[in-house]
Amino acid sequence: MSESITTAEDAPMALRGRTPIRFLHVFPGYGRGGAELRVTRTINAMGPGGGHAVLSINGRNGAAAFLDESAKVPVIAGPPKRGPLRYPIDLWRCIRAINPAVILTYNWGATDAVLAAKLARFRPVIHNECGLSVDIDGKGARRTKMRRWLLPSCHRVVVTSFTLRDLCLRKYGVKQDQLAFIKTGVDTAKFAPGENDELRMRIKGPADGVVFAYIGSLRPSKNITMLIRAFAQGHRPGDRLALFGDGPERQSLESLATELGIHDSVYFHGYADQPRFAFQAADVYVTTSKSEAASNSLLEAMATGLPVITTDIADNRLMLSPSNTEFVFSHQDVDGYAAAIREMSINAQRRQDIGRNNRDHVCEHYPISRMFSEYAALWNSAADLR
């Protein structure tokens, strides 16, 4: 695990005598999300002496647990927010004290750092748009205007999906030669087919049925109410729906399962610290999200050799192997989704064939080594500009 620096005020003293900071990664919060863990793994892959630091604007640092200790990456909490006009100035003072060669910002929550760099005429800045949310689904006019002002001034804008690439070109004024499209990679050695009989027994007991698993947060945008309704309609006796994750909707989802008479068929695990073991306890991966970009968990499930039932948003259909695209539905199509659950439950051979095809597809198109090398090349070329 990385060393942790609690406050921005401590940064200058704590960084004294260290390897000069080449890359400062600015996150809204350095929690255990997909973008945070992807960057963490890339930092680890670059090895010791890379000169990385992380600035967590809200002070959260759960992802720091996954940093290699040899990388010696300080994690710094952002300054307190003292108003929308003053905060970019305070943030810039913090960044200036760290004195990086490159600033890397992630998603809307870190655009204050892009603004601070723009006002200070700092170059280069690499901004990363890693996920879809309501503000870039056409419902956030103010944020769109701010992006149109800020993003064209960045050295590069990095996206992880075709959907985000098109948004940046069409809505945010980013030029083609400014844009870097780096597809998410999967560790196919870590996420590989296997059996987890102990966890599977906890989920389904002695029942002879199929385990449908979801891994992610339980919040409204993930649309888990639709998943539970479709499962209630489409499952067979003995089938189980396993939900790995936590969030503000857990209690209401448990109540819904009770209301639909399937509470005993729905397993609420809570947060899964090692998702690969959850995948290995499942037969089918299910997700009903209403907003996504390039889903890490979908790719990890495919790498584990699972067939997938998912919704037709962002890049989901493009990421699946051709044999799996029949099982992609509108996020409002409960009947279609329920029919897919029934088909997957009945047809074991089809599950195995699609899962094998998904595994082969990920190994060919989403290797993690390619992702690491593309990020490292981009970051190093930006640092060389200084």
Protein backbone atom coordinates (compact mmCIF):
# COMPACT_ATOMS: atom_id res chain seq x y z
CA MET A 1 0.00 0.00 0.00
CA SER A 2 1.13 3.56 -0.72
CA GLU A 3 2.07 6.04 1.95
CA SER A 4 -0.73 8.55 2.57
CA ILE A 5 -0.48 12.33 3.07
CA THR A 6 -3.52 13.59 4.86
CA THR A 7 -3.67 17.27 3.94
CA ALA A 8 -2.62 19.54 1.11
CA GLU A 9 -0.73 21.69 3.61
CA ASP A 10 1.56 18.76 4.44
CA ALA A 11 2.48 18.14 0.79
CA PRO A 12 5.54 20.43 0.35
CA MET A 13 7.31 19.06 3.44
CA ALA A 14 6.30 15.45 2.82
CA LEU A 15 7.49 15.54 -0.80
CA ARG A 16 10.87 17.03 0.05
CA GLY A 17 13.70 14.67 -0.90
CA ARG A 18 11.48 12.39 -2.97
CA THR A 19 11.71 11.58 -6.64
CA PRO A 20 10.38 14.67 -8.51
CA ILE A 21 6.69 14.36 -9.29
CA ARG A 22 6.22 13.84 -13.01
CA PHE A 23 2.55 12.85 -12.98
CA LEU A 24 -0.10 14.25 -10.64
CA HIS A 25 -3.36 12.30 -10.95
CA VAL A 26 -6.31 14.42 -9.77
CA PHE A 27 -9.47 12.50 -8.87
CA PRO A 28 -12.76 13.77 -7.41
CA GLY A 29 -12.18 11.01 -4.87
CA TYR A 30 -9.62 8.19 -4.92
CA GLY A 31 -12.11 5.45 -4.06
CA ARG A 32 -12.30 1.91 -5.41
CA GLY A 33 -13.96 2.81 -8.70
CA GLY A 34 -13.13 1.57 -12.18
CA ALA A 35 -11.09 4.60 -13.30
CA GLU A 36 -9.19 4.80 -10.02
CA LEU A 37 -8.23 1.14 -10.06
CA ARG A 38 -7.31 1.25 -13.75
CA VAL A 39 -4.90 4.13 -13.13
CA THR A 40 -3.55 2.44 -10.00
CA ARG A 41 -2.73 -0.72 -11.93
CA THR A 42 -1.05 1.30 -14.67
CA ILE A 43 1.10 3.10 -12.09
CA ASN A 44 2.09 -0.27 -10.62
CA ALA A 45 2.93 -1.62 -14.08
CA MET A 46 5.26 1.34 -14.75
CA GLY A 47 7.33 0.27 -11.74
CA PRO A 48 9.27 2.15 -9.05
CA GLY A 49 10.64 5.60 -9.72
CA GLY A 50 7.82 6.70 -12.03
CA GLY A 51 7.26 9.91 -10.12
CA HIS A 52 3.50 9.59 -9.56
CA ALA A 53 1.32 11.32 -6.96
CA VAL A 54 -2.45 11.27 -6.43
CA LEU A 55 -4.54 14.25 -5.36
CA SER A 56 -7.94 13.21 -4.00
CA ILE A 57 -10.19 16.27 -3.97
CA ASN A 58 -12.59 14.89 -1.36
CA GLY A 59 -9.83 13.13 0.60
CA ARG A 60 -11.02 9.56 0.05
CA ASN A 61 -8.19 7.13 -0.63
CA GLY A 62 -9.58 3.58 -0.70
CA ALA A 63 -7.78 2.79 -3.98
CA ALA A 64 -4.43 3.49 -2.29
CA ALA A 65 -4.63 -0.01 -0.80
CA PHE A 66 -3.94 -1.39 -4.29
CA LEU A 67 -0.80 0.67 -4.96
CA ASP A 68 2.47 -1.26 -4.86
CA GLU A 69 4.53 -0.09 -1.94
CA SER A 70 7.64 0.05 -4.12
CA ALA A 71 5.98 2.73 -6.29
CA LYS A 72 6.08 5.16 -3.31
CA VAL A 73 3.05 7.14 -4.45
CA PRO A 74 1.90 9.88 -2.07
CA VAL A 75 -1.86 10.36 -1.83
CA ILE A 76 -2.78 13.94 -0.97
CA ALA A 77 -6.15 15.29 0.16
CA GLY A 78 -7.38 18.38 -1.64
CA PRO A 79 -7.71 21.76 0.10
CA PRO A 80 -10.99 22.58 1.86
CA LYS A 81 -13.66 24.05 -0.41
CA ARG A 82 -14.21 27.69 0.49
CA GLY A 83 -16.49 28.76 -2.33
CA PRO A 84 -16.68 28.15 -6.09
CA LEU A 85 -14.55 31.17 -7.00
CA ARG A 86 -11.84 30.70 -4.41
CA TYR A 87 -11.51 26.94 -4.70
CA PRO A 88 -9.71 26.78 -8.09
CA ILE A 89 -7.15 29.24 -6.70
CA ASP A 90 -6.60 27.17 -3.55
CA LEU A 91 -6.40 24.03 -5.66
CA TRP A 92 -3.81 25.60 -7.94
CA ARG A 93 -1.69 26.60 -4.95
CA CYS A 94 -1.77 22.98 -3.81
CA ILE A 95 -0.79 21.74 -7.29
CA ARG A 96 1.96 24.32 -7.59
CA ALA A 97 3.43 23.14 -4.27
CA ILE A 98 3.54 19.58 -5.65
CA ASN A 99 5.10 20.91 -8.89
CA PRO A 100 4.27 18.09 -11.34
CA ALA A 101 5.42 17.90 -14.94
CA VAL A 102 1.96 16.75 -16.06
CA ILE A 103 -1.49 17.12 -14.53
CA LEU A 104 -3.94 14.28 -15.24
CA THR A 105 -7.57 14.90 -14.35
CA TYR A 106 -10.42 12.39 -14.24
CA ASN A 107 -14.09 13.04 -15.01
CA TRP A 108 -16.30 16.03 -14.22
CA GLY A 109 -15.41 16.13 -10.54
CA ALA A 110 -11.79 17.06 -11.34
CA THR A 111 -12.51 19.86 -13.82
CA ASP A 112 -11.72 22.42 -11.11
CA ALA A 113 -8.11 21.32 -11.57
CA VAL A 114 -8.41 21.83 -15.34
CA LEU A 115 -9.79 25.33 -14.67
CA ALA A 116 -6.97 26.05 -12.21
CA ALA A 117 -4.37 24.94 -14.76
CA LYS A 118 -6.02 27.00 -17.50
CA LEU A 119 -6.03 30.15 -15.36
CA ALA A 120 -2.37 29.57 -14.47
CA ARG A 121 -1.51 28.75 -18.11
CA PHE A 122 -0.01 25.44 -17.04
CA ARG A 123 0.81 22.89 -19.72
CA PRO A 124 0.39 19.99 -20.27
CA VAL A 125 -2.95 18.78 -18.88
CA ILE A 126 -4.39 15.40 -19.84
CA HIS A 127 -8.10 15.15 -19.04
CA ASN A 128 -9.79 11.75 -18.87
CA GLU A 129 -13.50 11.17 -19.49
CA CYS A 130 -14.01 7.67 -18.16
CA GLY A 131 -17.73 7.24 -17.56
CA LEU A 132 -21.17 8.28 -18.70
CA SER A 133 -23.49 9.98 -16.25
CA VAL A 134 -26.56 12.16 -16.51
CA ASP A 135 -24.53 15.28 -17.22
CA ILE A 136 -23.22 13.85 -20.50
CA ASP A 137 -26.43 12.10 -21.47
CA GLY A 138 -27.84 15.45 -22.61
CA LYS A 139 -29.14 16.62 -19.21
CA GLY A 140 -26.34 18.88 -18.03
CA ALA A 141 -26.21 22.02 -20.18
CA ARG A 142 -23.98 23.91 -17.74
CA ARG A 143 -21.45 21.12 -17.57
CA THR A 144 -21.46 20.76 -21.35
CA LYS A 145 -20.70 24.48 -21.73
CA MET A 146 -17.88 24.25 -19.18
CA ARG A 147 -16.38 21.26 -20.96
CA ARG A 148 -16.57 23.09 -24.29
CA TRP A 149 -14.54 25.90 -22.73
CA LEU A 150 -12.03 23.77 -20.83
CA LEU A 151 -11.34 20.60 -22.80
CA PRO A 152 -10.03 22.17 -26.04
CA SER A 153 -7.27 23.80 -23.97
CA CYS A 154 -6.00 20.41 -22.73
CA HIS A 155 -2.95 18.75 -24.23
CA ARG A 156 -4.95 15.55 -24.66
CA VAL A 157 -8.45 14.29 -23.80
CA VAL A 158 -8.54 10.54 -23.14
CA VAL A 159 -11.67 8.42 -23.56
CA THR A 160 -12.32 4.73 -22.99
CA SER A 161 -15.25 4.13 -25.34
CA PHE A 162 -16.56 4.96 -28.80
CA THR A 163 -19.55 6.69 -27.17
CA LEU A 164 -17.34 9.07 -25.20
CA ARG A 165 -15.14 9.67 -28.23
CA ASP A 166 -18.15 10.78 -30.26
CA LEU A 167 -19.40 13.03 -27.45
CA CYS A 168 -16.06 14.78 -27.14
CA LEU A 169 -15.82 15.40 -30.89
CA ARG A 170 -19.45 16.39 -31.37
CA LYS A 171 -20.36 18.27 -28.17
CA TYR A 172 -17.17 19.41 -26.46
CA GLY A 173 -15.16 20.89 -29.31
CA VAL A 174 -12.22 18.51 -28.91
CA LYS A 175 -10.21 18.13 -32.11
CA GLN A 176 -9.47 14.72 -33.58
CA ASP A 177 -5.71 15.04 -33.06
CA GLN A 178 -6.29 16.03 -29.43
CA LEU A 179 -8.26 12.92 -28.64
CA ALA A 180 -6.71 9.67 -27.36
CA PHE A 181 -8.94 6.59 -27.40
CA ILE A 182 -7.49 3.95 -25.05
CA LYS A 183 -9.66 0.88 -24.65
CA THR A 184 -9.90 -0.65 -21.20
CA GLY A 185 -7.77 -3.74 -20.69
CA VAL A 186 -8.41 -6.83 -18.60
CA ASP A 187 -5.96 -8.99 -16.69
CA THR A 188 -6.95 -12.27 -18.32
CA ALA A 189 -4.63 -14.26 -16.06
CA LYS A 190 -6.37 -12.93 -12.94
CA PHE A 191 -9.89 -12.99 -14.40
CA ALA A 192 -10.02 -16.51 -15.78
CA PRO A 193 -12.48 -19.42 -15.77
CA GLY A 194 -12.57 -21.30 -12.50
CA GLU A 195 -14.83 -22.68 -9.78
CA ASN A 196 -15.70 -21.20 -6.41
CA ASP A 197 -17.75 -23.95 -4.84
CA GLU A 198 -17.75 -22.46 -1.33
CA LEU A 199 -19.25 -19.14 -2.39
CA ARG A 200 -21.61 -20.86 -4.80
CA MET A 201 -22.94 -23.00 -1.96
CA ARG A 202 -23.55 -19.87 0.13
CA ILE A 203 -25.54 -18.37 -2.74
CA LYS A 204 -27.73 -21.31 -3.70
CA GLY A 205 -27.37 -24.02 -1.09
CA PRO A 206 -28.18 -27.50 -2.39
CA ALA A 207 -30.61 -26.18 -5.03
CA ASP A 208 -29.87 -27.32 -8.58
CA GLY A 209 -30.18 -24.06 -10.49
CA VAL A 210 -28.33 -21.31 -12.34
CA VAL A 211 -26.57 -18.41 -10.59
CA PHE A 212 -27.08 -15.01 -12.22
CA ALA A 213 -24.63 -12.49 -10.75
CA TYR A 214 -24.32 -8.70 -10.75
CA ILE A 215 -21.20 -6.95 -9.42
CA GLY A 216 -21.29 -3.19 -8.84
CA SER A 217 -22.89 -0.47 -6.79
CA LEU A 218 -26.57 -0.46 -5.83
CA ARG A 219 -27.52 3.03 -6.97
CA PRO A 220 -30.36 4.30 -9.21
CA SER A 221 -28.35 4.54 -12.44
CA LYS A 222 -27.60 0.79 -12.23
CA ASN A 223 -31.34 0.05 -12.63
CA ILE A 224 -31.32 -2.98 -10.33
CA THR A 225 -35.08 -2.70 -9.81
CA MET A 226 -35.50 -3.79 -13.45
CA LEU A 227 -33.09 -6.67 -12.91
CA ILE A 228 -35.03 -7.96 -9.91
CA ARG A 229 -38.36 -7.62 -11.73
CA ALA A 230 -37.02 -9.44 -14.80
CA PHE A 231 -35.52 -12.18 -12.62
CA ALA A 232 -38.84 -12.62 -10.80
CA GLN A 233 -40.55 -13.04 -14.16
CA GLY A 234 -37.98 -15.20 -15.96
CA HIS A 235 -36.20 -17.44 -13.45
CA ARG A 236 -36.87 -21.12 -12.80
CA PRO A 237 -37.12 -22.76 -9.36
CA GLY A 238 -33.62 -23.23 -7.99
CA ASP A 239 -32.13 -20.26 -9.88
CA ARG A 240 -30.52 -17.53 -7.81
CA LEU A 241 -29.75 -13.85 -8.37
CA ALA A 242 -26.57 -12.81 -6.54
CA LEU A 243 -25.96 -9.08 -6.03
CA PHE A 244 -22.36 -8.23 -5.10
CA GLY A 245 -22.13 -4.61 -4.04
CA ASP A 246 -23.64 -2.01 -1.78
CA GLY A 247 -25.21 1.37 -2.07
CA PRO A 248 -28.15 3.60 -1.20
CA GLU A 249 -30.76 1.33 -2.82
CA ARG A 250 -29.97 -1.88 -0.97
CA GLN A 251 -32.84 -1.66 1.52
CA SER A 252 -35.43 -0.77 -1.13
CA LEU A 253 -34.16 -3.61 -3.35
CA GLU A 254 -34.51 -6.11 -0.52
CA SER A 255 -38.06 -4.84 0.03
CA LEU A 256 -38.83 -5.23 -3.67
CA ALA A 257 -37.57 -8.83 -3.68
CA THR A 258 -39.84 -9.55 -0.69
CA GLU A 259 -42.79 -7.86 -2.38
CA LEU A 260 -42.29 -9.97 -5.52
CA GLY A 261 -42.06 -13.16 -3.47
CA ILE A 262 -38.45 -13.99 -4.45
CA HIS A 263 -36.50 -12.81 -1.40
CA ASP A 264 -35.19 -16.33 -0.78
CA SER A 265 -33.92 -16.46 -4.39
CA VAL A 266 -31.98 -13.18 -4.20
CA TYR A 267 -28.61 -13.18 -2.41
CA PHE A 268 -27.29 -9.81 -1.16
CA HIS A 269 -23.57 -10.25 -0.57
CA GLY A 270 -22.45 -6.67 0.01
CA TYR A 271 -19.15 -5.26 -1.26
CA ALA A 272 -16.93 -7.85 -2.97
CA ASP A 273 -13.27 -7.11 -2.28
CA GLN A 274 -12.14 -9.77 -4.78
CA PRO A 275 -14.66 -9.72 -7.66
CA ARG A 276 -12.92 -12.50 -9.59
CA PHE A 277 -14.10 -14.99 -6.96
CA ALA A 278 -17.67 -13.74 -7.36
CA PHE A 279 -17.50 -14.27 -11.13
CA GLN A 280 -16.22 -17.80 -10.57
CA ALA A 281 -19.27 -18.60 -8.45
CA ALA A 282 -21.67 -17.53 -11.22
CA ASP A 283 -23.08 -19.02 -14.42
CA VAL A 284 -24.29 -15.78 -16.08
CA TYR A 285 -23.35 -12.15 -15.59
CA VAL A 286 -26.27 -9.69 -15.60
CA THR A 287 -26.31 -5.90 -15.71
CA THR A 288 -29.16 -3.46 -16.37
CA SER A 289 -27.42 -0.10 -16.13
CA LYS A 290 -28.99 3.00 -17.69
CA SER A 291 -25.67 4.84 -18.03
CA GLU A 292 -22.22 3.41 -18.65
CA ALA A 293 -19.19 3.95 -20.88
CA ALA A 294 -16.90 0.92 -21.05
CA SER A 295 -17.89 -1.38 -18.20
CA ASN A 296 -14.92 -2.95 -16.43
CA SER A 297 -17.09 -5.56 -14.74
CA LEU A 298 -18.63 -6.63 -18.06
CA LEU A 299 -15.17 -7.24 -19.53
CA GLU A 300 -14.01 -9.04 -16.37
CA ALA A 301 -17.05 -11.31 -16.52
CA MET A 302 -16.31 -12.09 -20.17
CA ALA A 303 -12.67 -12.84 -19.31
CA THR A 304 -13.90 -15.27 -16.65
CA GLY A 305 -15.77 -17.13 -19.38
CA LEU A 306 -19.30 -16.02 -18.53
CA PRO A 307 -22.15 -15.26 -20.91
CA VAL A 308 -23.71 -11.85 -20.35
CA ILE A 309 -27.22 -10.35 -20.36
CA THR A 310 -26.99 -6.57 -20.53
CA THR A 311 -28.61 -3.34 -21.67
CA ASP A 312 -28.09 -1.59 -24.99
CA ILE A 313 -26.20 1.47 -23.77
CA ALA A 314 -22.87 3.03 -24.66
CA ASP A 315 -20.38 0.40 -25.91
CA ASN A 316 -21.93 -2.70 -24.34
CA ARG A 317 -22.97 -4.32 -27.63
CA LEU A 318 -19.60 -3.53 -29.24
CA MET A 319 -17.67 -5.09 -26.38
CA LEU A 320 -19.39 -8.48 -26.50
CA SER A 321 -18.47 -11.38 -28.73
CA PRO A 322 -20.86 -11.70 -31.72
CA SER A 323 -22.52 -14.78 -30.23
CA ASN A 324 -23.59 -12.79 -27.15
CA THR A 325 -25.17 -9.78 -28.87
CA GLU A 326 -28.61 -11.43 -29.00
CA PHE A 327 -28.79 -10.92 -25.22
CA VAL A 328 -28.70 -7.09 -25.26
CA PHE A 329 -31.91 -5.21 -24.42
CA SER A 330 -33.31 -1.77 -23.78
CA HIS A 331 -33.00 -0.76 -20.13
CA GLN A 332 -36.84 -0.64 -20.08
CA ASP A 333 -37.48 -4.02 -21.74
CA VAL A 334 -38.37 -6.15 -18.73
CA ASP A 335 -40.12 -8.81 -20.83
CA GLY A 336 -37.19 -9.25 -23.21
CA TYR A 337 -34.71 -9.38 -20.35
CA ALA A 338 -36.85 -11.92 -18.50
CA ALA A 339 -37.01 -14.12 -21.62
CA ALA A 340 -33.22 -13.99 -21.83
CA ILE A 341 -32.93 -15.09 -18.20
CA ARG A 342 -35.21 -18.03 -18.98
CA GLU A 343 -33.20 -18.97 -22.11
CA MET A 344 -29.90 -18.84 -20.22
CA SER A 345 -31.39 -20.87 -17.39
CA ILE A 346 -32.62 -23.62 -19.70
CA ASN A 347 -29.72 -23.95 -22.13
CA ALA A 348 -26.46 -24.95 -20.41
CA GLN A 349 -24.64 -25.69 -23.68
CA ARG A 350 -25.42 -22.24 -25.01
CA ARG A 351 -24.14 -20.65 -21.80
CA GLN A 352 -20.86 -22.53 -22.16
CA ASP A 353 -20.42 -21.70 -25.85
CA ILE A 354 -21.09 -17.98 -25.40
CA GLY A 355 -18.86 -17.83 -22.33
CA ARG A 356 -15.99 -19.45 -24.23
CA ASN A 357 -16.45 -17.00 -27.12
CA ASN A 358 -16.48 -14.04 -24.71
CA ARG A 359 -13.23 -15.20 -23.13
CA ASP A 360 -11.53 -15.51 -26.54
CA HIS A 361 -12.86 -12.09 -27.59
CA VAL A 362 -11.47 -10.32 -24.51
CA CYS A 363 -8.08 -12.02 -24.80
CA GLU A 364 -7.79 -10.82 -28.39
CA HIS A 365 -9.21 -7.29 -28.16
CA TYR A 366 -8.80 -6.13 -24.53
CA PRO A 367 -5.36 -7.28 -23.24
CA ILE A 368 -4.21 -5.33 -20.23
CA SER A 369 -0.60 -5.14 -21.48
CA ARG A 370 -1.76 -3.07 -24.45
CA MET A 371 -3.64 -0.68 -22.15
CA PHE A 372 -0.63 -0.24 -19.85
CA SER A 373 1.73 0.51 -22.74
CA GLU A 374 -0.64 3.03 -24.36
CA TYR A 375 -1.16 4.98 -21.14
CA ALA A 376 2.56 4.94 -20.30
CA ALA A 377 3.49 6.17 -23.78
CA LEU A 378 0.98 9.02 -23.60
CA TRP A 379 2.01 10.11 -20.11
CA ASN A 380 5.74 9.96 -20.85
CA SER A 381 5.42 11.89 -24.10
CA ALA A 382 3.54 14.65 -22.24
CA ALA A 383 6.20 14.77 -19.52
CA ASP A 384 8.93 15.10 -22.13
CA LEU A 385 7.33 18.37 -23.29
CA ARG A 386 8.50 19.97 -20.02
